[in-house]
Amino acid sequence: MLIALLTSLYVFITDKESLFNMLIAKPKLWVLILFVYSFFSVYPQELIYRTFFFEKYRELIKNKKLLIFINAIVFSFGYISLETP
């Protein structure tokens, strides 16, 4: 929620006209993209990546909470590196 707020604030400051442009101009397309992307991209990535990570590192990291925390950090860094030019 914090990231969504900060991102919206940034776009509002830097390019106010583009803020929520697609949502306002083409709401049906926005909803379609939201569900299609979630179903065909996000969910499979979660299943494949997290299954691979937990199977590979379960024996190395015995503490379950630490394993989940490290997984969240590594998964996040994967997206950060993809999003930066």
PDB file of N, CA and C in Angstrom:
ATOM      1  N   MET A   1       0.830  -1.186   0.000  1.00  0.00           N
ATOM      2  CA  MET A   1       0.000   0.000   0.000  1.00  0.00           C
ATOM      3  C   MET A   1       0.876   1.251   0.000  1.00  0.00           C
ATOM      4  N   LEU A   2       1.954   1.188   0.773  1.00  0.00           N
ATOM      5  CA  LEU A   2       2.873   2.325   0.841  1.00  0.00           C
ATOM      6  C   LEU A   2       3.518   2.584  -0.517  1.00  0.00           C
ATOM      7  N   ILE A   3       3.926   1.525  -1.196  1.00  0.00           N
ATOM      8  CA  ILE A   3       4.545   1.673  -2.516  1.00  0.00           C
ATOM      9  C   ILE A   3       3.548   2.281  -3.500  1.00  0.00           C
ATOM     10  N   ALA A   4       2.300   1.847  -3.467  1.00  0.00           N
ATOM     11  CA  ALA A   4       1.283   2.405  -4.356  1.00  0.00           C
ATOM     12  C   ALA A   4       1.083   3.891  -4.086  1.00  0.00           C
ATOM     13  N   LEU A   5       1.067   4.256  -2.827  1.00  0.00           N
ATOM     14  CA  LEU A   5       0.904   5.663  -2.459  1.00  0.00           C
ATOM     15  C   LEU A   5       2.096   6.500  -2.924  1.00  0.00           C
ATOM     16  N   LEU A   6       3.299   6.011  -2.677  1.00  0.00           N
ATOM     17  CA  LEU A   6       4.500   6.744  -3.077  1.00  0.00           C
ATOM     18  C   LEU A   6       4.601   6.865  -4.599  1.00  0.00           C
ATOM     19  N   THR A   7       4.269   5.794  -5.306  1.00  0.00           N
ATOM     20  CA  THR A   7       4.312   5.826  -6.763  1.00  0.00           C
ATOM     21  C   THR A   7       3.292   6.821  -7.317  1.00  0.00           C
ATOM     22  N   SER A   8       2.100   6.797  -6.771  1.00  0.00           N
ATOM     23  CA  SER A   8       1.064   7.743  -7.203  1.00  0.00           C
ATOM     24  C   SER A   8       1.479   9.182  -6.925  1.00  0.00           C
ATOM     25  N   LEU A   9       2.073   9.411  -5.774  1.00  0.00           N
ATOM     26  CA  LEU A   9       2.547  10.750  -5.425  1.00  0.00           C
ATOM     27  C   LEU A   9       3.642  11.206  -6.389  1.00  0.00           C
ATOM     28  N   TYR A  10       4.559  10.315  -6.720  1.00  0.00           N
ATOM     29  CA  TYR A  10       5.640  10.645  -7.652  1.00  0.00           C
ATOM     30  C   TYR A  10       5.076  11.033  -9.027  1.00  0.00           C
ATOM     31  N   VAL A  11       4.148  10.224  -9.544  1.00  0.00           N
ATOM     32  CA  VAL A  11       3.566  10.527 -10.855  1.00  0.00           C
ATOM     33  C   VAL A  11       2.765  11.828 -10.781  1.00  0.00           C
ATOM     34  N   PHE A  12       2.075  12.058  -9.687  1.00  0.00           N
ATOM     35  CA  PHE A  12       1.318  13.300  -9.515  1.00  0.00           C
ATOM     36  C   PHE A  12       2.244  14.515  -9.580  1.00  0.00           C
ATOM     37  N   ILE A  13       3.416  14.402  -8.982  1.00  0.00           N
ATOM     38  CA  ILE A  13       4.371  15.517  -8.968  1.00  0.00           C
ATOM     39  C   ILE A  13       5.053  15.690 -10.319  1.00  0.00           C
ATOM     40  N   THR A  14       5.419  14.590 -10.961  1.00  0.00           N
ATOM     41  CA  THR A  14       6.214  14.677 -12.188  1.00  0.00           C
ATOM     42  C   THR A  14       5.391  14.761 -13.474  1.00  0.00           C
ATOM     43  N   ASP A  15       4.213  14.141 -13.509  1.00  0.00           N
ATOM     44  CA  ASP A  15       3.410  14.118 -14.743  1.00  0.00           C
ATOM     45  C   ASP A  15       1.933  13.941 -14.388  1.00  0.00           C
ATOM     46  N   LYS A  16       1.355  14.977 -13.870  1.00  0.00           N
ATOM     47  CA  LYS A  16      -0.009  14.935 -13.349  1.00  0.00           C
ATOM     48  C   LYS A  16      -1.029  14.443 -14.381  1.00  0.00           C
ATOM     49  N   GLU A  17      -0.839  14.790 -15.650  1.00  0.00           N
ATOM     50  CA  GLU A  17      -1.796  14.408 -16.687  1.00  0.00           C
ATOM     51  C   GLU A  17      -1.847  12.887 -16.901  1.00  0.00           C
ATOM     52  N   SER A  18      -0.762  12.195 -16.622  1.00  0.00           N
ATOM     53  CA  SER A  18      -0.710  10.749 -16.840  1.00  0.00           C
ATOM     54  C   SER A  18      -1.252   9.924 -15.672  1.00  0.00           C
ATOM     55  N   LEU A  19      -1.463  10.567 -14.543  1.00  0.00           N
ATOM     56  CA  LEU A  19      -1.918   9.838 -13.353  1.00  0.00           C
ATOM     57  C   LEU A  19      -3.312   9.256 -13.591  1.00  0.00           C
ATOM     58  N   PHE A  20      -3.423   7.974 -13.472  1.00  0.00           N
ATOM     59  CA  PHE A  20      -4.673   7.234 -13.661  1.00  0.00           C
ATOM     60  C   PHE A  20      -5.261   7.409 -15.062  1.00  0.00           C
ATOM     61  N   ASN A  21      -4.426   7.718 -16.033  1.00  0.00           N
ATOM     62  CA  ASN A  21      -4.885   7.958 -17.395  1.00  0.00           C
ATOM     63  C   ASN A  21      -5.601   6.740 -17.986  1.00  0.00           C
ATOM     64  N   MET A  22      -4.991   5.588 -17.890  1.00  0.00           N
ATOM     65  CA  MET A  22      -5.604   4.389 -18.467  1.00  0.00           C
ATOM     66  C   MET A  22      -6.868   4.017 -17.706  1.00  0.00           C
ATOM     67  N   LEU A  23      -6.839   4.130 -16.408  1.00  0.00           N
ATOM     68  CA  LEU A  23      -8.010   3.799 -15.597  1.00  0.00           C
ATOM     69  C   LEU A  23      -9.211   4.653 -15.986  1.00  0.00           C
ATOM     70  N   ILE A  24      -8.981   5.914 -16.263  1.00  0.00           N
ATOM     71  CA  ILE A  24     -10.068   6.829 -16.630  1.00  0.00           C
ATOM     72  C   ILE A  24     -10.469   6.657 -18.100  1.00  0.00           C
ATOM     73  N   ALA A  25      -9.482   6.574 -18.993  1.00  0.00           N
ATOM     74  CA  ALA A  25      -9.764   6.527 -20.430  1.00  0.00           C
ATOM     75  C   ALA A  25     -10.290   5.171 -20.892  1.00  0.00           C
ATOM     76  N   LYS A  26      -9.728   4.083 -20.336  1.00  0.00           N
ATOM     77  CA  LYS A  26     -10.108   2.741 -20.792  1.00  0.00           C
ATOM     78  C   LYS A  26     -10.249   1.799 -19.592  1.00  0.00           C
ATOM     79  N   PRO A  27     -11.282   1.965 -18.789  1.00  0.00           N
ATOM     80  CA  PRO A  27     -11.412   1.152 -17.572  1.00  0.00           C
ATOM     81  C   PRO A  27     -11.575  -0.342 -17.839  1.00  0.00           C
ATOM     82  N   LYS A  28     -12.264  -0.708 -18.917  1.00  0.00           N
ATOM     83  CA  LYS A  28     -12.443  -2.136 -19.229  1.00  0.00           C
ATOM     84  C   LYS A  28     -11.107  -2.786 -19.597  1.00  0.00           C
ATOM     85  N   LEU A  29     -10.296  -2.089 -20.358  1.00  0.00           N
ATOM     86  CA  LEU A  29      -8.973  -2.601 -20.709  1.00  0.00           C
ATOM     87  C   LEU A  29      -8.101  -2.738 -19.464  1.00  0.00           C
ATOM     88  N   TRP A  30      -8.197  -1.771 -18.569  1.00  0.00           N
ATOM     89  CA  TRP A  30      -7.414  -1.809 -17.325  1.00  0.00           C
ATOM     90  C   TRP A  30      -7.781  -3.037 -16.496  1.00  0.00           C
ATOM     91  N   VAL A  31      -9.076  -3.311 -16.368  1.00  0.00           N
ATOM     92  CA  VAL A  31      -9.526  -4.482 -15.604  1.00  0.00           C
ATOM     93  C   VAL A  31      -9.078  -5.767 -16.301  1.00  0.00           C
ATOM     94  N   LEU A  32      -9.171  -5.811 -17.608  1.00  0.00           N
ATOM     95  CA  LEU A  32      -8.728  -6.985 -18.363  1.00  0.00           C
ATOM     96  C   LEU A  32      -7.237  -7.243 -18.144  1.00  0.00           C
ATOM     97  N   ILE A  33      -6.430  -6.213 -18.267  1.00  0.00           N
ATOM     98  CA  ILE A  33      -4.983  -6.347 -18.047  1.00  0.00           C
ATOM     99  C   ILE A  33      -4.703  -6.785 -16.614  1.00  0.00           C
ATOM    100  N   LEU A  34      -5.410  -6.207 -15.672  1.00  0.00           N
ATOM    101  CA  LEU A  34      -5.221  -6.545 -14.262  1.00  0.00           C
ATOM    102  C   LEU A  34      -5.416  -8.037 -14.016  1.00  0.00           C
ATOM    103  N   PHE A  35      -6.494  -8.591 -14.540  1.00  0.00           N
ATOM    104  CA  PHE A  35      -6.782  -9.999 -14.300  1.00  0.00           C
ATOM    105  C   PHE A  35      -5.949 -10.938 -15.167  1.00  0.00           C
ATOM    106  N   VAL A  36      -5.769 -10.617 -16.424  1.00  0.00           N
ATOM    107  CA  VAL A  36      -4.981 -11.474 -17.311  1.00  0.00           C
ATOM    108  C   VAL A  36      -3.531 -11.533 -16.841  1.00  0.00           C
ATOM    109  N   TYR A  37      -2.953 -10.395 -16.532  1.00  0.00           N
ATOM    110  CA  TYR A  37      -1.566 -10.362 -16.061  1.00  0.00           C
ATOM    111  C   TYR A  37      -1.420 -11.132 -14.754  1.00  0.00           C
ATOM    112  N   SER A  38      -2.356 -10.922 -13.859  1.00  0.00           N
ATOM    113  CA  SER A  38      -2.288 -11.621 -12.575  1.00  0.00           C
ATOM    114  C   SER A  38      -2.387 -13.129 -12.760  1.00  0.00           C
ATOM    115  N   PHE A  39      -3.301 -13.556 -13.582  1.00  0.00           N
ATOM    116  CA  PHE A  39      -3.541 -14.987 -13.748  1.00  0.00           C
ATOM    117  C   PHE A  39      -2.446 -15.692 -14.542  1.00  0.00           C
ATOM    118  N   PHE A  40      -1.986 -15.074 -15.611  1.00  0.00           N
ATOM    119  CA  PHE A  40      -1.028 -15.743 -16.497  1.00  0.00           C
ATOM    120  C   PHE A  40       0.429 -15.391 -16.237  1.00  0.00           C
ATOM    121  N   SER A  41       0.707 -14.398 -15.423  1.00  0.00           N
ATOM    122  CA  SER A  41       2.092 -14.022 -15.184  1.00  0.00           C
ATOM    123  C   SER A  41       2.464 -14.081 -13.704  1.00  0.00           C
ATOM    124  N   VAL A  42       1.762 -13.348 -12.896  1.00  0.00           N
ATOM    125  CA  VAL A  42       2.128 -13.239 -11.477  1.00  0.00           C
ATOM    126  C   VAL A  42       1.973 -14.570 -10.751  1.00  0.00           C
ATOM    127  N   TYR A  43       0.824 -15.187 -10.868  1.00  0.00           N
ATOM    128  CA  TYR A  43       0.566 -16.431 -10.152  1.00  0.00           C
ATOM    129  C   TYR A  43       1.533 -17.550 -10.550  1.00  0.00           C
ATOM    130  N   PRO A  44       1.755 -17.799 -11.846  1.00  0.00           N
ATOM    131  CA  PRO A  44       2.732 -18.835 -12.211  1.00  0.00           C
ATOM    132  C   PRO A  44       4.155 -18.523 -11.732  1.00  0.00           C
ATOM    133  N   GLN A  45       4.548 -17.240 -11.775  1.00  0.00           N
ATOM    134  CA  GLN A  45       5.874 -16.879 -11.272  1.00  0.00           C
ATOM    135  C   GLN A  45       6.005 -17.229  -9.796  1.00  0.00           C
ATOM    136  N   GLU A  46       4.979 -16.911  -9.040  1.00  0.00           N
ATOM    137  CA  GLU A  46       4.989 -17.232  -7.612  1.00  0.00           C
ATOM    138  C   GLU A  46       5.155 -18.730  -7.401  1.00  0.00           C
ATOM    139  N   LEU A  47       4.353 -19.502  -8.086  1.00  0.00           N
ATOM    140  CA  LEU A  47       4.405 -20.953  -7.900  1.00  0.00           C
ATOM    141  C   LEU A  47       5.761 -21.533  -8.290  1.00  0.00           C
ATOM    142  N   ILE A  48       6.236 -21.158  -9.454  1.00  0.00           N
ATOM    143  CA  ILE A  48       7.497 -21.722  -9.955  1.00  0.00           C
ATOM    144  C   ILE A  48       8.678 -21.236  -9.128  1.00  0.00           C
ATOM    145  N   TYR A  49       8.782 -19.937  -8.932  1.00  0.00           N
ATOM    146  CA  TYR A  49       9.942 -19.388  -8.234  1.00  0.00           C
ATOM    147  C   TYR A  49       9.985 -19.830  -6.781  1.00  0.00           C
ATOM    148  N   ARG A  50       8.890 -19.676  -6.081  1.00  0.00           N
ATOM    149  CA  ARG A  50       8.896 -20.011  -4.649  1.00  0.00           C
ATOM    150  C   ARG A  50       9.100 -21.507  -4.438  1.00  0.00           C
ATOM    151  N   THR A  51       8.502 -22.335  -5.266  1.00  0.00           N
ATOM    152  CA  THR A  51       8.712 -23.780  -5.142  1.00  0.00           C
ATOM    153  C   THR A  51      10.181 -24.114  -5.349  1.00  0.00           C
ATOM    154  N   PHE A  52      10.776 -23.558  -6.383  1.00  0.00           N
ATOM    155  CA  PHE A  52      12.196 -23.786  -6.649  1.00  0.00           C
ATOM    156  C   PHE A  52      13.052 -23.328  -5.469  1.00  0.00           C
ATOM    157  N   PHE A  53      12.806 -22.122  -4.985  1.00  0.00           N
ATOM    158  CA  PHE A  53      13.612 -21.566  -3.901  1.00  0.00           C
ATOM    159  C   PHE A  53      13.507 -22.425  -2.641  1.00  0.00           C
ATOM    160  N   PHE A  54      12.297 -22.759  -2.233  1.00  0.00           N
ATOM    161  CA  PHE A  54      12.125 -23.516  -0.989  1.00  0.00           C
ATOM    162  C   PHE A  54      12.690 -24.927  -1.102  1.00  0.00           C
ATOM    163  N   GLU A  55      12.541 -25.555  -2.248  1.00  0.00           N
ATOM    164  CA  GLU A  55      13.112 -26.890  -2.424  1.00  0.00           C
ATOM    165  C   GLU A  55      14.637 -26.850  -2.392  1.00  0.00           C
ATOM    166  N   LYS A  56      15.210 -25.838  -3.000  1.00  0.00           N
ATOM    167  CA  LYS A  56      16.664 -25.756  -3.105  1.00  0.00           C
ATOM    168  C   LYS A  56      17.331 -25.364  -1.786  1.00  0.00           C
ATOM    169  N   TYR A  57      16.722 -24.448  -1.018  1.00  0.00           N
ATOM    170  CA  TYR A  57      17.383 -23.885   0.154  1.00  0.00           C
ATOM    171  C   TYR A  57      16.801 -24.316   1.497  1.00  0.00           C
ATOM    172  N   ARG A  58      15.800 -25.182   1.497  1.00  0.00           N
ATOM    173  CA  ARG A  58      15.186 -25.642   2.746  1.00  0.00           C
ATOM    174  C   ARG A  58      16.216 -26.297   3.671  1.00  0.00           C
ATOM    175  N   GLU A  59      17.106 -27.093   3.126  1.00  0.00           N
ATOM    176  CA  GLU A  59      18.109 -27.781   3.944  1.00  0.00           C
ATOM    177  C   GLU A  59      19.210 -26.836   4.426  1.00  0.00           C
ATOM    178  N   LEU A  60      19.514 -25.822   3.644  1.00  0.00           N
ATOM    179  CA  LEU A  60      20.559 -24.871   3.996  1.00  0.00           C
ATOM    180  C   LEU A  60      20.103 -23.904   5.087  1.00  0.00           C
ATOM    181  N   ILE A  61      18.866 -23.445   5.013  1.00  0.00           N
ATOM    182  CA  ILE A  61      18.322 -22.483   5.982  1.00  0.00           C
ATOM    183  C   ILE A  61      17.230 -23.195   6.763  1.00  0.00           C
ATOM    184  N   LYS A  62      17.531 -23.578   7.975  1.00  0.00           N
ATOM    185  CA  LYS A  62      16.618 -24.394   8.779  1.00  0.00           C
ATOM    186  C   LYS A  62      15.468 -23.586   9.383  1.00  0.00           C
ATOM    187  N   ASN A  63      15.717 -22.305   9.685  1.00  0.00           N
ATOM    188  CA  ASN A  63      14.695 -21.461  10.294  1.00  0.00           C
ATOM    189  C   ASN A  63      13.669 -21.059   9.235  1.00  0.00           C
ATOM    190  N   LYS A  64      12.415 -21.490   9.390  1.00  0.00           N
ATOM    191  CA  LYS A  64      11.389 -21.266   8.373  1.00  0.00           C
ATOM    192  C   LYS A  64      11.100 -19.778   8.168  1.00  0.00           C
ATOM    193  N   LYS A  65      11.040 -19.006   9.256  1.00  0.00           N
ATOM    194  CA  LYS A  65      10.765 -17.572   9.130  1.00  0.00           C
ATOM    195  C   LYS A  65      11.909 -16.862   8.407  1.00  0.00           C
ATOM    196  N   LEU A  66      13.131 -17.246   8.686  1.00  0.00           N
ATOM    197  CA  LEU A  66      14.284 -16.664   8.002  1.00  0.00           C
ATOM    198  C   LEU A  66      14.270 -17.037   6.520  1.00  0.00           C
ATOM    199  N   LEU A  67      13.909 -18.262   6.218  1.00  0.00           N
ATOM    200  CA  LEU A  67      13.820 -18.721   4.830  1.00  0.00           C
ATOM    201  C   LEU A  67      12.780 -17.898   4.054  1.00  0.00           C
ATOM    202  N   ILE A  68      11.639 -17.659   4.657  1.00  0.00           N
ATOM    203  CA  ILE A  68      10.588 -16.857   4.014  1.00  0.00           C
ATOM    204  C   ILE A  68      11.055 -15.418   3.830  1.00  0.00           C
ATOM    205  N   PHE A  69      11.722 -14.860   4.837  1.00  0.00           N
ATOM    206  CA  PHE A  69      12.222 -13.486   4.764  1.00  0.00           C
ATOM    207  C   PHE A  69      13.254 -13.341   3.650  1.00  0.00           C
ATOM    208  N   ILE A  70      14.204 -14.250   3.580  1.00  0.00           N
ATOM    209  CA  ILE A  70      15.236 -14.208   2.536  1.00  0.00           C
ATOM    210  C   ILE A  70      14.594 -14.375   1.156  1.00  0.00           C
ATOM    211  N   ASN A  71      13.624 -15.274   1.059  1.00  0.00           N
ATOM    212  CA  ASN A  71      12.926 -15.472  -0.202  1.00  0.00           C
ATOM    213  C   ASN A  71      12.238 -14.192  -0.658  1.00  0.00           C
ATOM    214  N   ALA A  72      11.597 -13.491   0.248  1.00  0.00           N
ATOM    215  CA  ALA A  72      10.917 -12.240  -0.106  1.00  0.00           C
ATOM    216  C   ALA A  72      11.912 -11.201  -0.603  1.00  0.00           C
ATOM    217  N   ILE A  73      13.054 -11.100   0.043  1.00  0.00           N
ATOM    218  CA  ILE A  73      14.080 -10.131  -0.364  1.00  0.00           C
ATOM    219  C   ILE A  73      14.625 -10.486  -1.749  1.00  0.00           C
ATOM    220  N   VAL A  74      14.987 -11.736  -1.954  1.00  0.00           N
ATOM    221  CA  VAL A  74      15.553 -12.165  -3.235  1.00  0.00           C
ATOM    222  C   VAL A  74      14.533 -11.998  -4.363  1.00  0.00           C
ATOM    223  N   PHE A  75      13.283 -12.365  -4.103  1.00  0.00           N
ATOM    224  CA  PHE A  75      12.229 -12.219  -5.109  1.00  0.00           C
ATOM    225  C   PHE A  75      12.033 -10.743  -5.456  1.00  0.00           C
ATOM    226  N   SER A  76      12.057  -9.874  -4.459  1.00  0.00           N
ATOM    227  CA  SER A  76      11.906  -8.429  -4.684  1.00  0.00           C
ATOM    228  C   SER A  76      13.064  -7.875  -5.494  1.00  0.00           C
ATOM    229  N   PHE A  77      14.276  -8.269  -5.183  1.00  0.00           N
ATOM    230  CA  PHE A  77      15.432  -7.784  -5.934  1.00  0.00           C
ATOM    231  C   PHE A  77      15.368  -8.206  -7.396  1.00  0.00           C
ATOM    232  N   GLY A  78      14.805  -9.354  -7.663  1.00  0.00           N
ATOM    233  CA  GLY A  78      14.631  -9.784  -9.046  1.00  0.00           C
ATOM    234  C   GLY A  78      13.774  -8.819  -9.832  1.00  0.00           C
ATOM    235  N   TYR A  79      12.743  -8.296  -9.214  1.00  0.00           N
ATOM    236  CA  TYR A  79      11.876  -7.327  -9.889  1.00  0.00           C
ATOM    237  C   TYR A  79      12.492  -5.940  -9.933  1.00  0.00           C
ATOM    238  N   ILE A  80      13.232  -5.591  -8.933  1.00  0.00           N
ATOM    239  CA  ILE A  80      13.891  -4.278  -8.949  1.00  0.00           C
ATOM    240  C   ILE A  80      14.877  -4.206 -10.107  1.00  0.00           C
ATOM    241  N   SER A  81      15.648  -5.270 -10.300  1.00  0.00           N
ATOM    242  CA  SER A  81      16.634  -5.247 -11.378  1.00  0.00           C
ATOM    243  C   SER A  81      15.969  -5.247 -12.764  1.00  0.00           C
ATOM    244  N   LEU A  82      14.787  -5.858 -12.879  1.00  0.00           N
ATOM    245  CA  LEU A  82      14.086  -5.860 -14.161  1.00  0.00           C
ATOM    246  C   LEU A  82      13.464  -4.510 -14.469  1.00  0.00           C
ATOM    247  N   GLU A  83      13.107  -3.767 -13.472  1.00  0.00           N
ATOM    248  CA  GLU A  83      12.417  -2.507 -13.678  1.00  0.00           C
ATOM    249  C   GLU A  83      13.359  -1.328 -13.919  1.00  0.00           C
ATOM    250  N   THR A  84      14.606  -1.436 -13.524  1.00  0.00           N
ATOM    251  CA  THR A  84      15.525  -0.313 -13.712  1.00  0.00           C
ATOM    252  C   THR A  84      16.145  -0.375 -15.090  1.00  0.00           C
ATOM    253  N   PRO A  85      16.284   0.789 -15.734  1.00  0.00           N
ATOM    254  CA  PRO A  85      16.858   0.792 -17.095  1.00  0.00           C
ATOM    255  C   PRO A  85      18.352   0.528 -17.107  1.00  0.00           C
TER     256      PRO A  85
END
